[in-house]
Amino acid sequence: MAAGNIKAKPFRRPDAAEIEGFLDYVAGLMERNPRERHLMPPIWRALERELLAARNAEAIYDAARLRLTRSRDQTATLSS
């Protein structure tokens, strides 16, 4: 297969549940490798930042979905 025919998957940000899994994995690494544990705090902090961003994004998605549902319900009520 020629290199020009390879297509990359589109980027998708991990959701909060996936990031929680990554944090669990890093916690396990720290527990199993005490000598290298000092290398993990920057990774941990980055994952926590991403977790907060993912939770905020999910809250926005939920609010938008709720708003759309209310709007559709109001439109249906007015038209009937």
PDB file of N, CA and C in Angstrom:
ATOM      1  N   MET A   1       0.850  -1.171   0.000  1.00  0.00           N
ATOM      2  CA  MET A   1       0.000   0.000   0.000  1.00  0.00           C
ATOM      3  C   MET A   1       0.898   1.237   0.000  1.00  0.00           C
ATOM      4  N   ALA A   2       0.637   2.160  -0.883  1.00  0.00           N
ATOM      5  CA  ALA A   2       1.431   3.379  -0.983  1.00  0.00           C
ATOM      6  C   ALA A   2       1.085   4.318   0.161  1.00  0.00           C
ATOM      7  N   ALA A   3       2.070   5.098   0.571  1.00  0.00           N
ATOM      8  CA  ALA A   3       1.876   6.012   1.700  1.00  0.00           C
ATOM      9  C   ALA A   3       0.782   7.033   1.413  1.00  0.00           C
ATOM     10  N   GLY A   4       0.577   7.376   0.165  1.00  0.00           N
ATOM     11  CA  GLY A   4      -0.444   8.354  -0.179  1.00  0.00           C
ATOM     12  C   GLY A   4      -1.863   7.846   0.002  1.00  0.00           C
ATOM     13  N   ASN A   5      -2.045   6.543   0.097  1.00  0.00           N
ATOM     14  CA  ASN A   5      -3.380   5.958   0.233  1.00  0.00           C
ATOM     15  C   ASN A   5      -3.822   5.783   1.675  1.00  0.00           C
ATOM     16  N   ILE A   6      -2.941   6.052   2.620  1.00  0.00           N
ATOM     17  CA  ILE A   6      -3.266   5.870   4.035  1.00  0.00           C
ATOM     18  C   ILE A   6      -4.054   7.078   4.521  1.00  0.00           C
ATOM     19  N   LYS A   7      -5.179   6.811   5.170  1.00  0.00           N
ATOM     20  CA  LYS A   7      -5.999   7.897   5.705  1.00  0.00           C
ATOM     21  C   LYS A   7      -6.013   7.794   7.223  1.00  0.00           C
ATOM     22  N   ALA A   8      -5.780   8.910   7.856  1.00  0.00           N
ATOM     23  CA  ALA A   8      -5.800   8.948   9.315  1.00  0.00           C
ATOM     24  C   ALA A   8      -7.237   9.071   9.799  1.00  0.00           C
ATOM     25  N   LYS A   9      -7.482   8.508  10.961  1.00  0.00           N
ATOM     26  CA  LYS A   9      -8.793   8.676  11.574  1.00  0.00           C
ATOM     27  C   LYS A   9      -8.939  10.127  12.005  1.00  0.00           C
ATOM     28  N   PRO A  10     -10.138  10.666  11.939  1.00  0.00           N
ATOM     29  CA  PRO A  10     -10.330  12.032  12.438  1.00  0.00           C
ATOM     30  C   PRO A  10     -10.118  12.067  13.956  1.00  0.00           C
ATOM     31  N   PHE A  11      -9.568  13.167  14.437  1.00  0.00           N
ATOM     32  CA  PHE A  11      -9.296  13.311  15.866  1.00  0.00           C
ATOM     33  C   PHE A  11     -10.601  13.461  16.628  1.00  0.00           C
ATOM     34  N   ARG A  12     -10.718  12.739  17.725  1.00  0.00           N
ATOM     35  CA  ARG A  12     -11.854  12.857  18.629  1.00  0.00           C
ATOM     36  C   ARG A  12     -11.304  12.992  20.035  1.00  0.00           C
ATOM     37  N   ARG A  13     -11.691  14.069  20.697  1.00  0.00           N
ATOM     38  CA  ARG A  13     -11.226  14.261  22.068  1.00  0.00           C
ATOM     39  C   ARG A  13     -11.823  13.183  22.966  1.00  0.00           C
ATOM     40  N   PRO A  14     -11.042  12.681  23.914  1.00  0.00           N
ATOM     41  CA  PRO A  14     -11.590  11.675  24.836  1.00  0.00           C
ATOM     42  C   PRO A  14     -12.659  12.292  25.727  1.00  0.00           C
ATOM     43  N   ASP A  15     -13.652  11.504  26.076  1.00  0.00           N
ATOM     44  CA  ASP A  15     -14.688  12.011  26.973  1.00  0.00           C
ATOM     45  C   ASP A  15     -14.240  11.820  28.425  1.00  0.00           C
ATOM     46  N   ALA A  16     -15.055  12.318  29.350  1.00  0.00           N
ATOM     47  CA  ALA A  16     -14.686  12.293  30.770  1.00  0.00           C
ATOM     48  C   ALA A  16     -14.460  10.868  31.267  1.00  0.00           C
ATOM     49  N   ALA A  17     -15.276   9.931  30.823  1.00  0.00           N
ATOM     50  CA  ALA A  17     -15.126   8.542  31.278  1.00  0.00           C
ATOM     51  C   ALA A  17     -13.789   7.957  30.827  1.00  0.00           C
ATOM     52  N   GLU A  18     -13.383   8.266  29.610  1.00  0.00           N
ATOM     53  CA  GLU A  18     -12.095   7.768  29.122  1.00  0.00           C
ATOM     54  C   GLU A  18     -10.942   8.379  29.910  1.00  0.00           C
ATOM     55  N   ILE A  19     -11.046   9.662  30.201  1.00  0.00           N
ATOM     56  CA  ILE A  19      -9.982  10.331  30.957  1.00  0.00           C
ATOM     57  C   ILE A  19      -9.906   9.765  32.370  1.00  0.00           C
ATOM     58  N   GLU A  20     -11.060   9.453  32.960  1.00  0.00           N
ATOM     59  CA  GLU A  20     -11.065   8.796  34.278  1.00  0.00           C
ATOM     60  C   GLU A  20     -10.284   7.486  34.202  1.00  0.00           C
ATOM     61  N   GLY A  21     -10.461   6.754  33.129  1.00  0.00           N
ATOM     62  CA  GLY A  21      -9.717   5.505  32.938  1.00  0.00           C
ATOM     63  C   GLY A  21      -8.219   5.745  32.825  1.00  0.00           C
ATOM     64  N   PHE A  22      -7.841   6.822  32.135  1.00  0.00           N
ATOM     65  CA  PHE A  22      -6.420   7.163  32.022  1.00  0.00           C
ATOM     66  C   PHE A  22      -5.841   7.503  33.392  1.00  0.00           C
ATOM     67  N   LEU A  23      -6.620   8.244  34.200  1.00  0.00           N
ATOM     68  CA  LEU A  23      -6.162   8.574  35.553  1.00  0.00           C
ATOM     69  C   LEU A  23      -5.991   7.305  36.386  1.00  0.00           C
ATOM     70  N   ASP A  24      -6.913   6.375  36.252  1.00  0.00           N
ATOM     71  CA  ASP A  24      -6.779   5.092  36.955  1.00  0.00           C
ATOM     72  C   ASP A  24      -5.499   4.379  36.530  1.00  0.00           C
ATOM     73  N   TYR A  25      -5.223   4.409  35.239  1.00  0.00           N
ATOM     74  CA  TYR A  25      -4.024   3.753  34.707  1.00  0.00           C
ATOM     75  C   TYR A  25      -2.759   4.398  35.275  1.00  0.00           C
ATOM     76  N   VAL A  26      -2.714   5.732  35.281  1.00  0.00           N
ATOM     77  CA  VAL A  26      -1.541   6.440  35.809  1.00  0.00           C
ATOM     78  C   VAL A  26      -1.399   6.173  37.304  1.00  0.00           C
ATOM     79  N   ALA A  27      -2.512   6.127  38.025  1.00  0.00           N
ATOM     80  CA  ALA A  27      -2.458   5.810  39.457  1.00  0.00           C
ATOM     81  C   ALA A  27      -1.850   4.425  39.665  1.00  0.00           C
ATOM     82  N   GLY A  28      -2.231   3.479  38.828  1.00  0.00           N
ATOM     83  CA  GLY A  28      -1.658   2.137  38.909  1.00  0.00           C
ATOM     84  C   GLY A  28      -0.171   2.133  38.611  1.00  0.00           C
ATOM     85  N   LEU A  29       0.234   2.919  37.612  1.00  0.00           N
ATOM     86  CA  LEU A  29       1.665   3.027  37.300  1.00  0.00           C
ATOM     87  C   LEU A  29       2.444   3.568  38.496  1.00  0.00           C
ATOM     88  N   MET A  30       1.888   4.595  39.138  1.00  0.00           N
ATOM     89  CA  MET A  30       2.576   5.180  40.292  1.00  0.00           C
ATOM     90  C   MET A  30       2.684   4.168  41.430  1.00  0.00           C
ATOM     91  N   GLU A  31       1.645   3.378  41.614  1.00  0.00           N
ATOM     92  CA  GLU A  31       1.652   2.378  42.686  1.00  0.00           C
ATOM     93  C   GLU A  31       2.655   1.262  42.398  1.00  0.00           C
ATOM     94  N   ARG A  32       2.710   0.816  41.150  1.00  0.00           N
ATOM     95  CA  ARG A  32       3.580  -0.306  40.789  1.00  0.00           C
ATOM     96  C   ARG A  32       5.042   0.091  40.601  1.00  0.00           C
ATOM     97  N   ASN A  33       5.299   1.376  40.369  1.00  0.00           N
ATOM     98  CA  ASN A  33       6.660   1.840  40.065  1.00  0.00           C
ATOM     99  C   ASN A  33       7.050   3.014  40.963  1.00  0.00           C
ATOM    100  N   PRO A  34       7.272   2.764  42.247  1.00  0.00           N
ATOM    101  CA  PRO A  34       7.557   3.870  43.166  1.00  0.00           C
ATOM    102  C   PRO A  34       8.807   4.668  42.792  1.00  0.00           C
ATOM    103  N   ARG A  35       9.776   4.036  42.148  1.00  0.00           N
ATOM    104  CA  ARG A  35      10.998   4.765  41.788  1.00  0.00           C
ATOM    105  C   ARG A  35      10.755   5.773  40.671  1.00  0.00           C
ATOM    106  N   GLU A  36       9.774   5.516  39.825  1.00  0.00           N
ATOM    107  CA  GLU A  36       9.468   6.434  38.726  1.00  0.00           C
ATOM    108  C   GLU A  36       8.251   7.310  39.010  1.00  0.00           C
ATOM    109  N   ARG A  37       7.699   7.165  40.186  1.00  0.00           N
ATOM    110  CA  ARG A  37       6.492   7.906  40.564  1.00  0.00           C
ATOM    111  C   ARG A  37       6.665   9.416  40.407  1.00  0.00           C
ATOM    112  N   HIS A  38       7.880   9.909  40.636  1.00  0.00           N
ATOM    113  CA  HIS A  38       8.134  11.353  40.555  1.00  0.00           C
ATOM    114  C   HIS A  38       7.946  11.897  39.134  1.00  0.00           C
ATOM    115  N   LEU A  39       7.892  11.020  38.140  1.00  0.00           N
ATOM    116  CA  LEU A  39       7.697  11.451  36.756  1.00  0.00           C
ATOM    117  C   LEU A  39       6.219  11.678  36.415  1.00  0.00           C
ATOM    118  N   MET A  40       5.334  11.198  37.239  1.00  0.00           N
ATOM    119  CA  MET A  40       3.915  11.185  36.906  1.00  0.00           C
ATOM    120  C   MET A  40       3.115  12.452  37.227  1.00  0.00           C
ATOM    121  N   PRO A  41       3.487  13.286  38.197  1.00  0.00           N
ATOM    122  CA  PRO A  41       2.638  14.445  38.493  1.00  0.00           C
ATOM    123  C   PRO A  41       2.321  15.352  37.303  1.00  0.00           C
ATOM    124  N   PRO A  42       3.269  15.639  36.400  1.00  0.00           N
ATOM    125  CA  PRO A  42       2.876  16.474  35.253  1.00  0.00           C
ATOM    126  C   PRO A  42       1.813  15.803  34.370  1.00  0.00           C
ATOM    127  N   ILE A  43       1.927  14.498  34.213  1.00  0.00           N
ATOM    128  CA  ILE A  43       0.933  13.763  33.422  1.00  0.00           C
ATOM    129  C   ILE A  43      -0.409  13.783  34.144  1.00  0.00           C
ATOM    130  N   TRP A  44      -0.364  13.575  35.453  1.00  0.00           N
ATOM    131  CA  TRP A  44      -1.581  13.581  36.267  1.00  0.00           C
ATOM    132  C   TRP A  44      -2.285  14.936  36.173  1.00  0.00           C
ATOM    133  N   ARG A  45      -1.508  16.012  36.321  1.00  0.00           N
ATOM    134  CA  ARG A  45      -2.103  17.355  36.246  1.00  0.00           C
ATOM    135  C   ARG A  45      -2.712  17.616  34.874  1.00  0.00           C
ATOM    136  N   ALA A  46      -2.028  17.195  33.824  1.00  0.00           N
ATOM    137  CA  ALA A  46      -2.560  17.384  32.468  1.00  0.00           C
ATOM    138  C   ALA A  46      -3.868  16.613  32.293  1.00  0.00           C
ATOM    139  N   LEU A  47      -3.913  15.391  32.802  1.00  0.00           N
ATOM    140  CA  LEU A  47      -5.144  14.606  32.705  1.00  0.00           C
ATOM    141  C   LEU A  47      -6.275  15.247  33.503  1.00  0.00           C
ATOM    142  N   GLU A  48      -5.958  15.792  34.670  1.00  0.00           N
ATOM    143  CA  GLU A  48      -6.996  16.460  35.460  1.00  0.00           C
ATOM    144  C   GLU A  48      -7.521  17.700  34.745  1.00  0.00           C
ATOM    145  N   ARG A  49      -6.628  18.447  34.079  1.00  0.00           N
ATOM    146  CA  ARG A  49      -7.079  19.604  33.282  1.00  0.00           C
ATOM    147  C   ARG A  49      -8.000  19.150  32.151  1.00  0.00           C
ATOM    148  N   GLU A  50      -7.611  18.079  31.478  1.00  0.00           N
ATOM    149  CA  GLU A  50      -8.433  17.554  30.387  1.00  0.00           C
ATOM    150  C   GLU A  50      -9.768  17.026  30.904  1.00  0.00           C
ATOM    151  N   LEU A  51      -9.754  16.424  32.090  1.00  0.00           N
ATOM    152  CA  LEU A  51     -10.990  15.923  32.688  1.00  0.00           C
ATOM    153  C   LEU A  51     -11.945  17.077  32.974  1.00  0.00           C
ATOM    154  N   LEU A  52     -11.432  18.151  33.534  1.00  0.00           N
ATOM    155  CA  LEU A  52     -12.261  19.323  33.810  1.00  0.00           C
ATOM    156  C   LEU A  52     -12.834  19.888  32.510  1.00  0.00           C
ATOM    157  N   ALA A  53     -12.007  19.999  31.486  1.00  0.00           N
ATOM    158  CA  ALA A  53     -12.475  20.510  30.195  1.00  0.00           C
ATOM    159  C   ALA A  53     -13.540  19.587  29.600  1.00  0.00           C
ATOM    160  N   ALA A  54     -13.340  18.281  29.708  1.00  0.00           N
ATOM    161  CA  ALA A  54     -14.318  17.327  29.172  1.00  0.00           C
ATOM    162  C   ALA A  54     -15.638  17.421  29.929  1.00  0.00           C
ATOM    163  N   ARG A  55     -15.568  17.545  31.250  1.00  0.00           N
ATOM    164  CA  ARG A  55     -16.800  17.672  32.036  1.00  0.00           C
ATOM    165  C   ARG A  55     -17.530  18.962  31.692  1.00  0.00           C
ATOM    166  N   ASN A  56     -16.780  20.056  31.513  1.00  0.00           N
ATOM    167  CA  ASN A  56     -17.401  21.323  31.131  1.00  0.00           C
ATOM    168  C   ASN A  56     -18.062  21.208  29.762  1.00  0.00           C
ATOM    169  N   ALA A  57     -17.386  20.578  28.827  1.00  0.00           N
ATOM    170  CA  ALA A  57     -17.954  20.401  27.488  1.00  0.00           C
ATOM    171  C   ALA A  57     -19.213  19.542  27.554  1.00  0.00           C
ATOM    172  N   GLU A  58     -19.176  18.474  28.330  1.00  0.00           N
ATOM    173  CA  GLU A  58     -20.347  17.606  28.448  1.00  0.00           C
ATOM    174  C   GLU A  58     -21.517  18.346  29.090  1.00  0.00           C
ATOM    175  N   ALA A  59     -21.232  19.240  30.040  1.00  0.00           N
ATOM    176  CA  ALA A  59     -22.294  20.041  30.654  1.00  0.00           C
ATOM    177  C   ALA A  59     -22.924  20.972  29.617  1.00  0.00           C
ATOM    178  N   ILE A  60     -22.099  21.533  28.742  1.00  0.00           N
ATOM    179  CA  ILE A  60     -22.620  22.396  27.682  1.00  0.00           C
ATOM    180  C   ILE A  60     -23.482  21.581  26.718  1.00  0.00           C
ATOM    181  N   TYR A  61     -23.010  20.390  26.335  1.00  0.00           N
ATOM    182  CA  TYR A  61     -23.793  19.539  25.435  1.00  0.00           C
ATOM    183  C   TYR A  61     -25.146  19.201  26.061  1.00  0.00           C
ATOM    184  N   ASP A  62     -25.136  18.878  27.354  1.00  0.00           N
ATOM    185  CA  ASP A  62     -26.381  18.543  28.047  1.00  0.00           C
ATOM    186  C   ASP A  62     -27.321  19.743  28.104  1.00  0.00           C
ATOM    187  N   ALA A  63     -26.772  20.930  28.393  1.00  0.00           N
ATOM    188  CA  ALA A  63     -27.590  22.143  28.449  1.00  0.00           C
ATOM    189  C   ALA A  63     -28.178  22.459  27.076  1.00  0.00           C
ATOM    190  N   ALA A  64     -27.392  22.293  26.038  1.00  0.00           N
ATOM    191  CA  ALA A  64     -27.881  22.551  24.680  1.00  0.00           C
ATOM    192  C   ALA A  64     -28.989  21.568  24.314  1.00  0.00           C
ATOM    193  N   ARG A  65     -28.800  20.302  24.667  1.00  0.00           N
ATOM    194  CA  ARG A  65     -29.816  19.282  24.384  1.00  0.00           C
ATOM    195  C   ARG A  65     -31.113  19.605  25.124  1.00  0.00           C
ATOM    196  N   LEU A  66     -31.011  20.009  26.388  1.00  0.00           N
ATOM    197  CA  LEU A  66     -32.184  20.361  27.181  1.00  0.00           C
ATOM    198  C   LEU A  66     -32.891  21.574  26.590  1.00  0.00           C
ATOM    199  N   ARG A  67     -32.112  22.569  26.186  1.00  0.00           N
ATOM    200  CA  ARG A  67     -32.687  23.780  25.595  1.00  0.00           C
ATOM    201  C   ARG A  67     -33.428  23.442  24.300  1.00  0.00           C
ATOM    202  N   LEU A  68     -32.834  22.604  23.482  1.00  0.00           N
ATOM    203  CA  LEU A  68     -33.460  22.210  22.226  1.00  0.00           C
ATOM    204  C   LEU A  68     -34.755  21.445  22.484  1.00  0.00           C
ATOM    205  N   THR A  69     -34.749  20.569  23.467  1.00  0.00           N
ATOM    206  CA  THR A  69     -35.955  19.814  23.815  1.00  0.00           C
ATOM    207  C   THR A  69     -37.061  20.750  24.276  1.00  0.00           C
ATOM    208  N   ARG A  70     -36.713  21.712  25.140  1.00  0.00           N
ATOM    209  CA  ARG A  70     -37.711  22.684  25.611  1.00  0.00           C
ATOM    210  C   ARG A  70     -38.257  23.500  24.451  1.00  0.00           C
ATOM    211  N   SER A  71     -37.375  23.924  23.571  1.00  0.00           N
ATOM    212  CA  SER A  71     -37.788  24.728  22.422  1.00  0.00           C
ATOM    213  C   SER A  71     -38.736  23.943  21.526  1.00  0.00           C
ATOM    214  N   ARG A  72     -38.422  22.686  21.280  1.00  0.00           N
ATOM    215  CA  ARG A  72     -39.294  21.849  20.447  1.00  0.00           C
ATOM    216  C   ARG A  72     -40.641  21.622  21.123  1.00  0.00           C
ATOM    217  N   ASP A  73     -40.622  21.431  22.438  1.00  0.00           N
ATOM    218  CA  ASP A  73     -41.872  21.226  23.175  1.00  0.00           C
ATOM    219  C   ASP A  73     -42.747  22.473  23.109  1.00  0.00           C
ATOM    220  N   GLN A  74     -42.134  23.657  23.243  1.00  0.00           N
ATOM    221  CA  GLN A  74     -42.892  24.908  23.170  1.00  0.00           C
ATOM    222  C   GLN A  74     -43.470  25.099  21.776  1.00  0.00           C
ATOM    223  N   THR A  75     -42.697  24.787  20.763  1.00  0.00           N
ATOM    224  CA  THR A  75     -43.174  24.915  19.388  1.00  0.00           C
ATOM    225  C   THR A  75     -44.340  23.962  19.141  1.00  0.00           C
ATOM    226  N   ALA A  76     -44.241  22.745  19.647  1.00  0.00           N
ATOM    227  CA  ALA A  76     -45.319  21.773  19.482  1.00  0.00           C
ATOM    228  C   ALA A  76     -46.576  22.224  20.212  1.00  0.00           C
ATOM    229  N   THR A  77     -46.419  22.829  21.384  1.00  0.00           N
ATOM    230  CA  THR A  77     -47.559  23.302  22.163  1.00  0.00           C
ATOM    231  C   THR A  77     -48.245  24.458  21.442  1.00  0.00           C
ATOM    232  N   LEU A  78     -47.468  25.367  20.885  1.00  0.00           N
ATOM    233  CA  LEU A  78     -48.037  26.518  20.188  1.00  0.00           C
ATOM    234  C   LEU A  78     -48.755  26.117  18.904  1.00  0.00           C
ATOM    235  N   SER A  79     -48.256  25.101  18.227  1.00  0.00           N
ATOM    236  CA  SER A  79     -48.854  24.713  16.949  1.00  0.00           C
ATOM    237  C   SER A  79     -50.066  23.800  17.110  1.00  0.00           C
ATOM    238  N   SER A  80     -50.311  23.321  18.321  1.00  0.00           N
ATOM    239  CA  SER A  80     -51.469  22.433  18.495  1.00  0.00           C
ATOM    240  C   SER A  80     -52.651  23.144  19.087  1.00  0.00           C
TER     241      SER A  80
END
